[in-house]
Amino acid sequence: MGAPVLATNNVQVDNVVALWRAGESLKAVAEEYGLTRDAAEAICRIAA
């Protein structure tokens, strides 16, 4: 079984969270992965 991915774009959840933990803003994370800021925040909150 592989790592969890986002259904919308098959990006690994860990990649989204790692970028945020590295200091990127939620807006930057969202733009990088084609997400809304709210979606990026929700992913980071759940995974953190």
PDB file of N, CA and C in Angstrom:
ATOM      1  N   MET A   1       0.847  -1.180   0.000  1.00  0.00           N
ATOM      2  CA  MET A   1       0.000   0.000   0.000  1.00  0.00           C
ATOM      3  C   MET A   1       0.892   1.241   0.000  1.00  0.00           C
ATOM      4  N   GLY A   2       0.598   2.185  -0.870  1.00  0.00           N
ATOM      5  CA  GLY A   2       1.423   3.376  -1.000  1.00  0.00           C
ATOM      6  C   GLY A   2       1.000   4.496  -0.074  1.00  0.00           C
ATOM      7  N   ALA A   3       1.682   5.602  -0.228  1.00  0.00           N
ATOM      8  CA  ALA A   3       1.399   6.792   0.583  1.00  0.00           C
ATOM      9  C   ALA A   3       0.074   7.416   0.133  1.00  0.00           C
ATOM     10  N   PRO A   4      -0.638   8.068   1.051  1.00  0.00           N
ATOM     11  CA  PRO A   4      -1.894   8.731   0.679  1.00  0.00           C
ATOM     12  C   PRO A   4      -1.645   9.861  -0.321  1.00  0.00           C
ATOM     13  N   VAL A   5      -2.535   9.947  -1.302  1.00  0.00           N
ATOM     14  CA  VAL A   5      -2.445  10.997  -2.318  1.00  0.00           C
ATOM     15  C   VAL A   5      -3.765  11.751  -2.391  1.00  0.00           C
ATOM     16  N   LEU A   6      -3.697  12.961  -2.943  1.00  0.00           N
ATOM     17  CA  LEU A   6      -4.901  13.760  -3.150  1.00  0.00           C
ATOM     18  C   LEU A   6      -5.634  13.232  -4.377  1.00  0.00           C
ATOM     19  N   ALA A   7      -6.928  13.061  -4.258  1.00  0.00           N
ATOM     20  CA  ALA A   7      -7.725  12.526  -5.364  1.00  0.00           C
ATOM     21  C   ALA A   7      -7.737  13.475  -6.559  1.00  0.00           C
ATOM     22  N   THR A   8      -7.609  14.763  -6.310  1.00  0.00           N
ATOM     23  CA  THR A   8      -7.723  15.743  -7.389  1.00  0.00           C
ATOM     24  C   THR A   8      -6.524  15.769  -8.322  1.00  0.00           C
ATOM     25  N   ASN A   9      -5.323  15.461  -7.797  1.00  0.00           N
ATOM     26  CA  ASN A   9      -4.128  15.584  -8.638  1.00  0.00           C
ATOM     27  C   ASN A   9      -3.046  14.537  -8.368  1.00  0.00           C
ATOM     28  N   ASN A  10      -3.353  13.543  -7.543  1.00  0.00           N
ATOM     29  CA  ASN A  10      -2.426  12.447  -7.232  1.00  0.00           C
ATOM     30  C   ASN A  10      -1.125  12.885  -6.569  1.00  0.00           C
ATOM     31  N   VAL A  11      -1.117  14.052  -5.943  1.00  0.00           N
ATOM     32  CA  VAL A  11       0.050  14.517  -5.191  1.00  0.00           C
ATOM     33  C   VAL A  11       0.038  13.844  -3.814  1.00  0.00           C
ATOM     34  N   GLN A  12       1.195  13.388  -3.386  1.00  0.00           N
ATOM     35  CA  GLN A  12       1.272  12.770  -2.058  1.00  0.00           C
ATOM     36  C   GLN A  12       1.016  13.820  -0.981  1.00  0.00           C
ATOM     37  N   VAL A  13       0.191  13.447  -0.012  1.00  0.00           N
ATOM     38  CA  VAL A  13      -0.121  14.334   1.104  1.00  0.00           C
ATOM     39  C   VAL A  13       1.164  14.762   1.810  1.00  0.00           C
ATOM     40  N   ASP A  14       2.094  13.834   1.959  1.00  0.00           N
ATOM     41  CA  ASP A  14       3.370  14.149   2.623  1.00  0.00           C
ATOM     42  C   ASP A  14       4.124  15.277   1.914  1.00  0.00           C
ATOM     43  N   ASN A  15       4.019  15.353   0.598  1.00  0.00           N
ATOM     44  CA  ASN A  15       4.712  16.414  -0.143  1.00  0.00           C
ATOM     45  C   ASN A  15       4.113  17.779   0.172  1.00  0.00           C
ATOM     46  N   VAL A  16       2.800  17.828   0.263  1.00  0.00           N
ATOM     47  CA  VAL A  16       2.123  19.084   0.595  1.00  0.00           C
ATOM     48  C   VAL A  16       2.542  19.541   1.984  1.00  0.00           C
ATOM     49  N   VAL A  17       2.476  18.636   2.943  1.00  0.00           N
ATOM     50  CA  VAL A  17       2.814  18.973   4.325  1.00  0.00           C
ATOM     51  C   VAL A  17       4.300  19.337   4.458  1.00  0.00           C
ATOM     52  N   ALA A  18       5.155  18.628   3.762  1.00  0.00           N
ATOM     53  CA  ALA A  18       6.594  18.898   3.849  1.00  0.00           C
ATOM     54  C   ALA A  18       6.922  20.305   3.370  1.00  0.00           C
ATOM     55  N   LEU A  19       6.279  20.735   2.305  1.00  0.00           N
ATOM     56  CA  LEU A  19       6.534  22.085   1.793  1.00  0.00           C
ATOM     57  C   LEU A  19       6.108  23.131   2.817  1.00  0.00           C
ATOM     58  N   TRP A  20       4.957  22.913   3.441  1.00  0.00           N
ATOM     59  CA  TRP A  20       4.468  23.831   4.471  1.00  0.00           C
ATOM     60  C   TRP A  20       5.404  23.827   5.681  1.00  0.00           C
ATOM     61  N   ARG A  21       5.827  22.654   6.115  1.00  0.00           N
ATOM     62  CA  ARG A  21       6.732  22.556   7.280  1.00  0.00           C
ATOM     63  C   ARG A  21       8.095  23.166   6.982  1.00  0.00           C
ATOM     64  N   ALA A  22       8.460  23.228   5.706  1.00  0.00           N
ATOM     65  CA  ALA A  22       9.736  23.832   5.322  1.00  0.00           C
ATOM     66  C   ALA A  22       9.680  25.357   5.367  1.00  0.00           C
ATOM     67  N   GLY A  23       8.489  25.890   5.642  1.00  0.00           N
ATOM     68  CA  GLY A  23       8.385  27.330   5.821  1.00  0.00           C
ATOM     69  C   GLY A  23       7.598  28.061   4.748  1.00  0.00           C
ATOM     70  N   GLU A  24       7.102  27.342   3.763  1.00  0.00           N
ATOM     71  CA  GLU A  24       6.310  27.999   2.720  1.00  0.00           C
ATOM     72  C   GLU A  24       4.938  28.381   3.284  1.00  0.00           C
ATOM     73  N   SER A  25       4.403  29.471   2.785  1.00  0.00           N
ATOM     74  CA  SER A  25       3.072  29.894   3.207  1.00  0.00           C
ATOM     75  C   SER A  25       2.034  28.935   2.637  1.00  0.00           C
ATOM     76  N   LEU A  26       0.865  28.910   3.245  1.00  0.00           N
ATOM     77  CA  LEU A  26      -0.212  28.070   2.726  1.00  0.00           C
ATOM     78  C   LEU A  26      -0.597  28.492   1.307  1.00  0.00           C
ATOM     79  N   LYS A  27      -0.516  29.789   1.044  1.00  0.00           N
ATOM     80  CA  LYS A  27      -0.814  30.274  -0.305  1.00  0.00           C
ATOM     81  C   LYS A  27       0.180  29.696  -1.306  1.00  0.00           C
ATOM     82  N   ALA A  28       1.463  29.698  -0.960  1.00  0.00           N
ATOM     83  CA  ALA A  28       2.493  29.160  -1.852  1.00  0.00           C
ATOM     84  C   ALA A  28       2.323  27.656  -2.047  1.00  0.00           C
ATOM     85  N   VAL A  29       1.996  26.956  -0.983  1.00  0.00           N
ATOM     86  CA  VAL A  29       1.765  25.508  -1.076  1.00  0.00           C
ATOM     87  C   VAL A  29       0.592  25.234  -2.006  1.00  0.00           C
ATOM     88  N   ALA A  30      -0.477  25.987  -1.810  1.00  0.00           N
ATOM     89  CA  ALA A  30      -1.665  25.809  -2.643  1.00  0.00           C
ATOM     90  C   ALA A  30      -1.345  26.046  -4.117  1.00  0.00           C
ATOM     91  N   GLU A  31      -0.626  27.098  -4.402  1.00  0.00           N
ATOM     92  CA  GLU A  31      -0.272  27.410  -5.787  1.00  0.00           C
ATOM     93  C   GLU A  31       0.629  26.330  -6.393  1.00  0.00           C
ATOM     94  N   GLU A  32       1.545  25.823  -5.609  1.00  0.00           N
ATOM     95  CA  GLU A  32       2.475  24.794  -6.093  1.00  0.00           C
ATOM     96  C   GLU A  32       1.737  23.525  -6.534  1.00  0.00           C
ATOM     97  N   TYR A  33       0.692  23.182  -5.804  1.00  0.00           N
ATOM     98  CA  TYR A  33       0.000  21.922  -6.068  1.00  0.00           C
ATOM     99  C   TYR A  33      -1.395  22.089  -6.665  1.00  0.00           C
ATOM    100  N   GLY A  34      -1.740  23.288  -7.091  1.00  0.00           N
ATOM    101  CA  GLY A  34      -3.020  23.498  -7.735  1.00  0.00           C
ATOM    102  C   GLY A  34      -4.212  23.325  -6.814  1.00  0.00           C
ATOM    103  N   LEU A  35      -4.047  23.763  -5.574  1.00  0.00           N
ATOM    104  CA  LEU A  35      -5.097  23.648  -4.567  1.00  0.00           C
ATOM    105  C   LEU A  35      -5.609  25.028  -4.184  1.00  0.00           C
ATOM    106  N   THR A  36      -6.738  25.056  -3.513  1.00  0.00           N
ATOM    107  CA  THR A  36      -7.153  26.306  -2.892  1.00  0.00           C
ATOM    108  C   THR A  36      -6.371  26.450  -1.600  1.00  0.00           C
ATOM    109  N   ARG A  37      -6.286  27.675  -1.098  1.00  0.00           N
ATOM    110  CA  ARG A  37      -5.600  27.887   0.169  1.00  0.00           C
ATOM    111  C   ARG A  37      -6.295  27.112   1.280  1.00  0.00           C
ATOM    112  N   ASP A  38      -7.631  27.102   1.255  1.00  0.00           N
ATOM    113  CA  ASP A  38      -8.396  26.375   2.279  1.00  0.00           C
ATOM    114  C   ASP A  38      -8.110  24.877   2.239  1.00  0.00           C
ATOM    115  N   ALA A  39      -7.985  24.322   1.040  1.00  0.00           N
ATOM    116  CA  ALA A  39      -7.681  22.892   0.909  1.00  0.00           C
ATOM    117  C   ALA A  39      -6.282  22.597   1.452  1.00  0.00           C
ATOM    118  N   ALA A  40      -5.317  23.441   1.122  1.00  0.00           N
ATOM    119  CA  ALA A  40      -3.955  23.255   1.623  1.00  0.00           C
ATOM    120  C   ALA A  40      -3.932  23.324   3.153  1.00  0.00           C
ATOM    121  N   GLU A  41      -4.684  24.278   3.706  1.00  0.00           N
ATOM    122  CA  GLU A  41      -4.739  24.401   5.169  1.00  0.00           C
ATOM    123  C   GLU A  41      -5.363  23.159   5.788  1.00  0.00           C
ATOM    124  N   ALA A  42      -6.437  22.657   5.214  1.00  0.00           N
ATOM    125  CA  ALA A  42      -7.110  21.481   5.751  1.00  0.00           C
ATOM    126  C   ALA A  42      -6.179  20.268   5.718  1.00  0.00           C
ATOM    127  N   ILE A  43      -5.453  20.103   4.636  1.00  0.00           N
ATOM    128  CA  ILE A  43      -4.516  18.983   4.521  1.00  0.00           C
ATOM    129  C   ILE A  43      -3.442  19.066   5.595  1.00  0.00           C
ATOM    130  N   CYS A  44      -2.883  20.256   5.783  1.00  0.00           N
ATOM    131  CA  CYS A  44      -1.820  20.441   6.763  1.00  0.00           C
ATOM    132  C   CYS A  44      -2.332  20.257   8.187  1.00  0.00           C
ATOM    133  N   ARG A  45      -3.521  20.718   8.464  1.00  0.00           N
ATOM    134  CA  ARG A  45      -4.103  20.562   9.814  1.00  0.00           C
ATOM    135  C   ARG A  45      -4.340  19.094  10.141  1.00  0.00           C
ATOM    136  N   ILE A  46      -4.896  18.352   9.183  1.00  0.00           N
ATOM    137  CA  ILE A  46      -5.189  16.936   9.418  1.00  0.00           C
ATOM    138  C   ILE A  46      -3.915  16.116   9.543  1.00  0.00           C
ATOM    139  N   ALA A  47      -2.934  16.418   8.723  1.00  0.00           N
ATOM    140  CA  ALA A  47      -1.702  15.628   8.700  1.00  0.00           C
ATOM    141  C   ALA A  47      -0.728  16.003   9.809  1.00  0.00           C
ATOM    142  N   ALA A  48      -0.885  17.197  10.372  1.00  0.00           N
ATOM    143  CA  ALA A  48       0.080  17.671  11.377  1.00  0.00           C
ATOM    144  C   ALA A  48      -0.127  17.086  12.732  1.00  0.00           C
TER     145      ALA A  48
END
